[in-house]
PDB file of N, CA and C in Angstrom:
ATOM      1  N   MET A   1       5.159 -47.779 -16.537  1.00  0.00           N
ATOM      2  CA  MET A   1       5.125 -46.479 -17.176  1.00  0.00           C
ATOM      3  C   MET A   1       3.814 -45.769 -16.865  1.00  0.00           C
ATOM      4  N   ARG A   2       2.738 -46.512 -16.886  1.00  0.00           N
ATOM      5  CA  ARG A   2       1.419 -45.942 -16.614  1.00  0.00           C
ATOM      6  C   ARG A   2       1.367 -45.384 -15.195  1.00  0.00           C
ATOM      7  N   THR A   3       1.945 -46.068 -14.254  1.00  0.00           N
ATOM      8  CA  THR A   3       1.954 -45.646 -12.857  1.00  0.00           C
ATOM      9  C   THR A   3       2.718 -44.333 -12.697  1.00  0.00           C
ATOM     10  N   ILE A   4       3.821 -44.193 -13.385  1.00  0.00           N
ATOM     11  CA  ILE A   4       4.616 -42.967 -13.306  1.00  0.00           C
ATOM     12  C   ILE A   4       3.829 -41.783 -13.857  1.00  0.00           C
ATOM     13  N   LEU A   5       3.131 -41.967 -14.962  1.00  0.00           N
ATOM     14  CA  LEU A   5       2.332 -40.902 -15.539  1.00  0.00           C
ATOM     15  C   LEU A   5       1.189 -40.488 -14.599  1.00  0.00           C
ATOM     16  N   ILE A   6       0.561 -41.463 -13.959  1.00  0.00           N
ATOM     17  CA  ILE A   6      -0.509 -41.161 -13.005  1.00  0.00           C
ATOM     18  C   ILE A   6       0.049 -40.394 -11.813  1.00  0.00           C
ATOM     19  N   LEU A   7       1.220 -40.800 -11.300  1.00  0.00           N
ATOM     20  CA  LEU A   7       1.838 -40.084 -10.189  1.00  0.00           C
ATOM     21  C   LEU A   7       2.197 -38.641 -10.576  1.00  0.00           C
ATOM     22  N   ILE A   8       2.701 -38.455 -11.778  1.00  0.00           N
ATOM     23  CA  ILE A   8       3.020 -37.107 -12.247  1.00  0.00           C
ATOM     24  C   ILE A   8       1.748 -36.267 -12.346  1.00  0.00           C
ATOM     25  N   LEU A   9       0.681 -36.836 -12.878  1.00  0.00           N
ATOM     26  CA  LEU A   9      -0.598 -36.133 -12.992  1.00  0.00           C
ATOM     27  C   LEU A   9      -1.145 -35.763 -11.608  1.00  0.00           C
ATOM     28  N   VAL A  10      -1.076 -36.681 -10.651  1.00  0.00           N
ATOM     29  CA  VAL A  10      -1.537 -36.417  -9.287  1.00  0.00           C
ATOM     30  C   VAL A  10      -0.690 -35.295  -8.669  1.00  0.00           C
ATOM     31  N   PHE A  11       0.610 -35.340  -8.865  1.00  0.00           N
ATOM     32  CA  PHE A  11       1.486 -34.298  -8.329  1.00  0.00           C
ATOM     33  C   PHE A  11       1.131 -32.933  -8.915  1.00  0.00           C
ATOM     34  N   ILE A  12       0.911 -32.871 -10.226  1.00  0.00           N
ATOM     35  CA  ILE A  12       0.561 -31.601 -10.881  1.00  0.00           C
ATOM     36  C   ILE A  12      -0.774 -31.086 -10.359  1.00  0.00           C
ATOM     37  N   LEU A  13      -1.773 -31.935 -10.201  1.00  0.00           N
ATOM     38  CA  LEU A  13      -3.074 -31.516  -9.671  1.00  0.00           C
ATOM     39  C   LEU A  13      -2.950 -31.034  -8.223  1.00  0.00           C
ATOM     40  N   TYR A  14      -2.172 -31.729  -7.420  1.00  0.00           N
ATOM     41  CA  TYR A  14      -1.950 -31.310  -6.027  1.00  0.00           C
ATOM     42  C   TYR A  14      -1.283 -29.939  -5.984  1.00  0.00           C
ATOM     43  N   TRP A  15      -0.251 -29.737  -6.798  1.00  0.00           N
ATOM     44  CA  TRP A  15       0.463 -28.461  -6.839  1.00  0.00           C
ATOM     45  C   TRP A  15      -0.462 -27.332  -7.287  1.00  0.00           C
ATOM     46  N   TRP A  16      -1.272 -27.574  -8.310  1.00  0.00           N
ATOM     47  CA  TRP A  16      -2.188 -26.563  -8.833  1.00  0.00           C
ATOM     48  C   TRP A  16      -3.241 -26.189  -7.787  1.00  0.00           C
ATOM     49  N   ALA A  17      -3.827 -27.183  -7.106  1.00  0.00           N
ATOM     50  CA  ALA A  17      -4.850 -26.916  -6.095  1.00  0.00           C
ATOM     51  C   ALA A  17      -4.262 -26.158  -4.904  1.00  0.00           C
ATOM     52  N   ARG A  18      -3.083 -26.542  -4.492  1.00  0.00           N
ATOM     53  CA  ARG A  18      -2.444 -25.865  -3.358  1.00  0.00           C
ATOM     54  C   ARG A  18      -2.149 -24.405  -3.694  1.00  0.00           C
ATOM     55  N   ARG A  19      -1.673 -24.154  -4.876  1.00  0.00           N
ATOM     56  CA  ARG A  19      -1.374 -22.781  -5.291  1.00  0.00           C
ATOM     57  C   ARG A  19      -2.657 -21.954  -5.420  1.00  0.00           C
ATOM     58  N   ALA A  20      -3.718 -22.538  -5.946  1.00  0.00           N
ATOM     59  CA  ALA A  20      -4.985 -21.820  -6.091  1.00  0.00           C
ATOM     60  C   ALA A  20      -5.551 -21.447  -4.721  1.00  0.00           C
ATOM     61  N   LEU A  21      -5.472 -22.359  -3.766  1.00  0.00           N
ATOM     62  CA  LEU A  21      -5.970 -22.066  -2.424  1.00  0.00           C
ATOM     63  C   LEU A  21      -5.112 -21.009  -1.736  1.00  0.00           C
ATOM     64  N   ALA A  22      -3.815 -21.054  -1.925  1.00  0.00           N
ATOM     65  CA  ALA A  22      -2.928 -20.062  -1.306  1.00  0.00           C
ATOM     66  C   ALA A  22      -3.203 -18.678  -1.879  1.00  0.00           C
ATOM     67  N   ASP A  23      -3.434 -18.563  -3.174  1.00  0.00           N
ATOM     68  CA  ASP A  23      -3.744 -17.279  -3.793  1.00  0.00           C
ATOM     69  C   ASP A  23      -5.056 -16.719  -3.268  1.00  0.00           C
ATOM     70  N   ARG A  24      -6.030 -17.578  -3.054  1.00  0.00           N
ATOM     71  CA  ARG A  24      -7.322 -17.124  -2.552  1.00  0.00           C
ATOM     72  C   ARG A  24      -7.193 -16.584  -1.131  1.00  0.00           C
ATOM     73  N   HIS A  25      -6.357 -17.205  -0.313  1.00  0.00           N
ATOM     74  CA  HIS A  25      -6.178 -16.755   1.061  1.00  0.00           C
ATOM     75  C   HIS A  25      -5.375 -15.463   1.136  1.00  0.00           C
ATOM     76  N   ARG A  26      -4.490 -15.241   0.180  1.00  0.00           N
ATOM     77  CA  ARG A  26      -3.680 -14.024   0.191  1.00  0.00           C
ATOM     78  C   ARG A  26      -4.462 -12.799  -0.226  1.00  0.00           C
ATOM     79  N   ARG A  27      -5.477 -12.979  -1.062  1.00  0.00           N
ATOM     80  CA  ARG A  27      -6.264 -11.835  -1.519  1.00  0.00           C
ATOM     81  C   ARG A  27      -7.096 -11.294  -0.380  1.00  0.00           C
ATOM     82  N   LYS A  28      -7.193  -9.980  -0.334  1.00  0.00           N
ATOM     83  CA  LYS A  28      -7.994  -9.324   0.683  1.00  0.00           C
ATOM     84  C   LYS A  28      -9.344  -8.951   0.079  1.00  0.00           C
ATOM     85  N   PRO A  29     -10.379  -8.869   0.898  1.00  0.00           N
ATOM     86  CA  PRO A  29     -11.683  -8.452   0.377  1.00  0.00           C
ATOM     87  C   PRO A  29     -11.586  -7.057  -0.236  1.00  0.00           C
ATOM     88  N   GLY A  30     -12.190  -6.898  -1.393  1.00  0.00           N
ATOM     89  CA  GLY A  30     -12.179  -5.612  -2.068  1.00  0.00           C
ATOM     90  C   GLY A  30     -10.939  -5.357  -2.900  1.00  0.00           C
ATOM     91  N   ALA A  31     -10.050  -6.322  -3.020  1.00  0.00           N
ATOM     92  CA  ALA A  31      -8.818  -6.120  -3.788  1.00  0.00           C
ATOM     93  C   ALA A  31      -9.128  -5.915  -5.267  1.00  0.00           C
ATOM     94  N   HIS A  32     -10.185  -6.567  -5.768  1.00  0.00           N
ATOM     95  CA  HIS A  32     -10.523  -6.409  -7.172  1.00  0.00           C
ATOM     96  C   HIS A  32     -10.999  -4.990  -7.465  1.00  0.00           C
ATOM     97  N   LYS A  33     -11.538  -4.293  -6.483  1.00  0.00           N
ATOM     98  CA  LYS A  33     -11.990  -2.919  -6.683  1.00  0.00           C
ATOM     99  C   LYS A  33     -10.797  -1.975  -6.779  1.00  0.00           C
ATOM    100  N   ARG A  34      -9.742  -2.235  -6.039  1.00  0.00           N
ATOM    101  CA  ARG A  34      -8.592  -1.344  -6.006  1.00  0.00           C
ATOM    102  C   ARG A  34      -7.720  -1.456  -7.250  1.00  0.00           C
ATOM    103  N   LYS A  35      -7.804  -2.543  -7.979  1.00  0.00           N
ATOM    104  CA  LYS A  35      -6.939  -2.714  -9.135  1.00  0.00           C
ATOM    105  C   LYS A  35      -7.213  -1.670 -10.207  1.00  0.00           C
ATOM    106  N   GLY A  36      -8.466  -1.244 -10.374  1.00  0.00           N
ATOM    107  CA  GLY A  36      -8.813  -0.254 -11.380  1.00  0.00           C
ATOM    108  C   GLY A  36      -8.371   1.144 -10.991  1.00  0.00           C
ATOM    109  N   ASN A  37      -8.188   1.407  -9.731  1.00  0.00           N
ATOM    110  CA  ASN A  37      -7.801   2.722  -9.247  1.00  0.00           C
ATOM    111  C   ASN A  37      -6.279   2.815  -9.235  1.00  0.00           C
ATOM    112  N   LYS A  38      -5.716   3.357 -10.299  1.00  0.00           N
ATOM    113  CA  LYS A  38      -4.259   3.404 -10.412  1.00  0.00           C
ATOM    114  C   LYS A  38      -3.780   4.838 -10.239  1.00  0.00           C
ATOM    115  N   ALA A  39      -3.917   5.352  -9.045  1.00  0.00           N
ATOM    116  CA  ALA A  39      -3.407   6.686  -8.751  1.00  0.00           C
ATOM    117  C   ALA A  39      -1.895   6.602  -8.601  1.00  0.00           C
ATOM    118  N   GLY A  40      -1.224   7.645  -8.995  1.00  0.00           N
ATOM    119  CA  GLY A  40       0.227   7.663  -8.897  1.00  0.00           C
ATOM    120  C   GLY A  40       0.669   7.846  -7.452  1.00  0.00           C
ATOM    121  N   PRO A  41       1.951   7.832  -7.221  1.00  0.00           N
ATOM    122  CA  PRO A  41       2.458   8.027  -5.866  1.00  0.00           C
ATOM    123  C   PRO A  41       2.123   9.434  -5.376  1.00  0.00           C
ATOM    124  N   GLU A  42       1.936   9.533  -4.086  1.00  0.00           N
ATOM    125  CA  GLU A  42       1.563  10.810  -3.492  1.00  0.00           C
ATOM    126  C   GLU A  42       2.811  11.584  -3.076  1.00  0.00           C
ATOM    127  N   ARG A  43       2.736  12.898  -3.201  1.00  0.00           N
ATOM    128  CA  ARG A  43       3.873  13.743  -2.819  1.00  0.00           C
ATOM    129  C   ARG A  43       4.049  13.758  -1.317  1.00  0.00           C
ATOM    130  N   MET A  44       5.300  13.723  -0.874  1.00  0.00           N
ATOM    131  CA  MET A  44       5.640  13.834   0.541  1.00  0.00           C
ATOM    132  C   MET A  44       6.201  15.231   0.758  1.00  0.00           C
ATOM    133  N   LEU A  45       5.625  15.956   1.712  1.00  0.00           N
ATOM    134  CA  LEU A  45       6.054  17.323   1.985  1.00  0.00           C
ATOM    135  C   LEU A  45       6.562  17.431   3.416  1.00  0.00           C
ATOM    136  N   ALA A  46       7.492  18.349   3.635  1.00  0.00           N
ATOM    137  CA  ALA A  46       8.064  18.558   4.963  1.00  0.00           C
ATOM    138  C   ALA A  46       7.231  19.579   5.722  1.00  0.00           C
ATOM    139  N   CYS A  47       7.008  19.314   6.993  1.00  0.00           N
ATOM    140  CA  CYS A  47       6.303  20.239   7.866  1.00  0.00           C
ATOM    141  C   CYS A  47       7.195  21.471   8.075  1.00  0.00           C
ATOM    142  N   ALA A  48       6.600  22.674   7.971  1.00  0.00           N
ATOM    143  CA  ALA A  48       7.362  23.909   8.139  1.00  0.00           C
ATOM    144  C   ALA A  48       7.793  24.115   9.587  1.00  0.00           C
ATOM    145  N   HIS A  49       7.178  23.415  10.515  1.00  0.00           N
ATOM    146  CA  HIS A  49       7.530  23.577  11.929  1.00  0.00           C
ATOM    147  C   HIS A  49       8.559  22.551  12.394  1.00  0.00           C
ATOM    148  N   CYS A  50       8.277  21.267  12.159  1.00  0.00           N
ATOM    149  CA  CYS A  50       9.164  20.219  12.700  1.00  0.00           C
ATOM    150  C   CYS A  50      10.035  19.539  11.645  1.00  0.00           C
ATOM    151  N   GLY A  51       9.687  19.674  10.366  1.00  0.00           N
ATOM    152  CA  GLY A  51      10.500  19.088   9.309  1.00  0.00           C
ATOM    153  C   GLY A  51      10.165  17.648   8.958  1.00  0.00           C
ATOM    154  N   VAL A  52       9.180  17.055   9.612  1.00  0.00           N
ATOM    155  CA  VAL A  52       8.785  15.672   9.323  1.00  0.00           C
ATOM    156  C   VAL A  52       8.093  15.622   7.961  1.00  0.00           C
ATOM    157  N   HIS A  53       8.431  14.637   7.148  1.00  0.00           N
ATOM    158  CA  HIS A  53       7.808  14.462   5.839  1.00  0.00           C
ATOM    159  C   HIS A  53       6.575  13.578   5.979  1.00  0.00           C
ATOM    160  N   ILE A  54       5.442  14.069   5.460  1.00  0.00           N
ATOM    161  CA  ILE A  54       4.190  13.310   5.485  1.00  0.00           C
ATOM    162  C   ILE A  54       3.501  13.447   4.130  1.00  0.00           C
ATOM    163  N   PRO A  55       2.563  12.524   3.803  1.00  0.00           N
ATOM    164  CA  PRO A  55       1.829  12.644   2.541  1.00  0.00           C
ATOM    165  C   PRO A  55       1.028  13.948   2.498  1.00  0.00           C
ATOM    166  N   GLU A  56       0.934  14.514   1.328  1.00  0.00           N
ATOM    167  CA  GLU A  56       0.265  15.807   1.156  1.00  0.00           C
ATOM    168  C   GLU A  56      -1.199  15.757   1.604  1.00  0.00           C
ATOM    169  N   SER A  57      -1.874  14.635   1.404  1.00  0.00           N
ATOM    170  CA  SER A  57      -3.285  14.533   1.771  1.00  0.00           C
ATOM    171  C   SER A  57      -3.511  14.477   3.283  1.00  0.00           C
ATOM    172  N   GLU A  58      -2.483  14.152   4.065  1.00  0.00           N
ATOM    173  CA  GLU A  58      -2.630  14.042   5.513  1.00  0.00           C
ATOM    174  C   GLU A  58      -2.214  15.310   6.244  1.00  0.00           C
ATOM    175  N   GLY A  59      -1.653  16.275   5.551  1.00  0.00           N
ATOM    176  CA  GLY A  59      -1.158  17.494   6.185  1.00  0.00           C
ATOM    177  C   GLY A  59      -2.158  18.624   6.116  1.00  0.00           C
ATOM    178  N   VAL A  60      -1.721  19.788   6.629  1.00  0.00           N
ATOM    179  CA  VAL A  60      -2.540  20.991   6.665  1.00  0.00           C
ATOM    180  C   VAL A  60      -1.800  22.084   5.911  1.00  0.00           C
ATOM    181  N   GLN A  61      -2.461  22.675   4.914  1.00  0.00           N
ATOM    182  CA  GLN A  61      -1.857  23.734   4.117  1.00  0.00           C
ATOM    183  C   GLN A  61      -2.309  25.084   4.660  1.00  0.00           C
ATOM    184  N   ASP A  62      -1.391  26.023   4.714  1.00  0.00           N
ATOM    185  CA  ASP A  62      -1.671  27.372   5.190  1.00  0.00           C
ATOM    186  C   ASP A  62      -0.936  28.341   4.275  1.00  0.00           C
ATOM    187  N   VAL A  63      -1.227  29.634   4.390  1.00  0.00           N
ATOM    188  CA  VAL A  63      -0.539  30.614   3.540  1.00  0.00           C
ATOM    189  C   VAL A  63       0.954  30.672   3.860  1.00  0.00           C
ATOM    190  N   SER A  64       1.315  30.324   5.095  1.00  0.00           N
ATOM    191  CA  SER A  64       2.716  30.384   5.487  1.00  0.00           C
ATOM    192  C   SER A  64       3.478  29.088   5.195  1.00  0.00           C
ATOM    193  N   GLY A  65       2.780  28.018   4.807  1.00  0.00           N
ATOM    194  CA  GLY A  65       3.472  26.772   4.485  1.00  0.00           C
ATOM    195  C   GLY A  65       2.621  25.537   4.697  1.00  0.00           C
ATOM    196  N   PHE A  66       3.281  24.393   4.712  1.00  0.00           N
ATOM    197  CA  PHE A  66       2.637  23.087   4.877  1.00  0.00           C
ATOM    198  C   PHE A  66       3.009  22.537   6.251  1.00  0.00           C
ATOM    199  N   TYR A  67       2.027  22.005   6.967  1.00  0.00           N
ATOM    200  CA  TYR A  67       2.252  21.512   8.329  1.00  0.00           C
ATOM    201  C   TYR A  67       1.713  20.097   8.480  1.00  0.00           C
ATOM    202  N   CYS A  68       2.270  19.370   9.451  1.00  0.00           N
ATOM    203  CA  CYS A  68       1.851  17.989   9.680  1.00  0.00           C
ATOM    204  C   CYS A  68       0.577  17.914  10.532  1.00  0.00           C
ATOM    205  N   SER A  69       0.246  18.969  11.266  1.00  0.00           N
ATOM    206  CA  SER A  69      -0.952  18.959  12.115  1.00  0.00           C
ATOM    207  C   SER A  69      -1.439  20.389  12.341  1.00  0.00           C
ATOM    208  N   ASP A  70      -2.663  20.498  12.860  1.00  0.00           N
ATOM    209  CA  ASP A  70      -3.210  21.816  13.190  1.00  0.00           C
ATOM    210  C   ASP A  70      -2.400  22.486  14.297  1.00  0.00           C
ATOM    211  N   GLU A  71      -1.879  21.695  15.222  1.00  0.00           N
ATOM    212  CA  GLU A  71      -1.064  22.225  16.314  1.00  0.00           C
ATOM    213  C   GLU A  71       0.164  22.946  15.765  1.00  0.00           C
ATOM    214  N   HIS A  72       0.851  22.315  14.811  1.00  0.00           N
ATOM    215  CA  HIS A  72       2.041  22.936  14.232  1.00  0.00           C
ATOM    216  C   HIS A  72       1.673  24.119  13.347  1.00  0.00           C
ATOM    217  N   ARG A  73       0.516  24.064  12.696  1.00  0.00           N
ATOM    218  CA  ARG A  73       0.068  25.208  11.920  1.00  0.00           C
ATOM    219  C   ARG A  73      -0.171  26.399  12.834  1.00  0.00           C
ATOM    220  N   ARG A  74      -0.767  26.134  13.972  1.00  0.00           N
ATOM    221  CA  ARG A  74      -1.032  27.200  14.950  1.00  0.00           C
ATOM    222  C   ARG A  74       0.266  27.792  15.483  1.00  0.00           C
ATOM    223  N   LEU A  75       1.286  26.938  15.705  1.00  0.00           N
ATOM    224  CA  LEU A  75       2.569  27.412  16.218  1.00  0.00           C
ATOM    225  C   LEU A  75       3.372  28.173  15.168  1.00  0.00           C
ATOM    226  N   GLY A  76       3.153  27.874  13.896  1.00  0.00           N
ATOM    227  CA  GLY A  76       3.815  28.594  12.809  1.00  0.00           C
ATOM    228  C   GLY A  76       5.181  28.030  12.461  1.00  0.00           C
ATOM    229  N   VAL A  77       5.852  28.749  11.554  1.00  0.00           N
ATOM    230  CA  VAL A  77       7.160  28.326  11.069  1.00  0.00           C
ATOM    231  C   VAL A  77       8.190  28.496  12.179  1.00  0.00           C
ATOM    232  N   ARG A  78       8.978  27.463  12.416  1.00  0.00           N
ATOM    233  CA  ARG A  78       9.996  27.503  13.459  1.00  0.00           C
ATOM    234  C   ARG A  78      11.334  27.875  12.856  1.00  0.00           C
ATOM    235  N   ASP A  79      12.031  28.799  13.487  1.00  0.00           N
ATOM    236  CA  ASP A  79      13.368  29.181  13.032  1.00  0.00           C
ATOM    237  C   ASP A  79      14.349  28.081  13.396  1.00  0.00           C
ATOM    238  N   ARG A  80      15.195  27.763  12.460  1.00  0.00           N
ATOM    239  CA  ARG A  80      16.154  26.677  12.700  1.00  0.00           C
ATOM    240  C   ARG A  80      17.509  27.229  12.951  1.00  0.00           C
TER     241      ARG A  80
END
């Protein structure tokens, strides 16, 4: 009976150590800093020229609309 309990204890310690090491390897540097920053999802907007949807922070806003790049902003709204 004593041997079985020792084997169970060794198995539990092995499982715990393996899981702790796997969690440490999965974490990326700086992950603890990002946990506090809980910004919501970003809006996806369609380019007025080509229609591709991109995040609002990556696009270019103009008086005539929203564009995916400066090139498309320069070309303007395309008639479909």
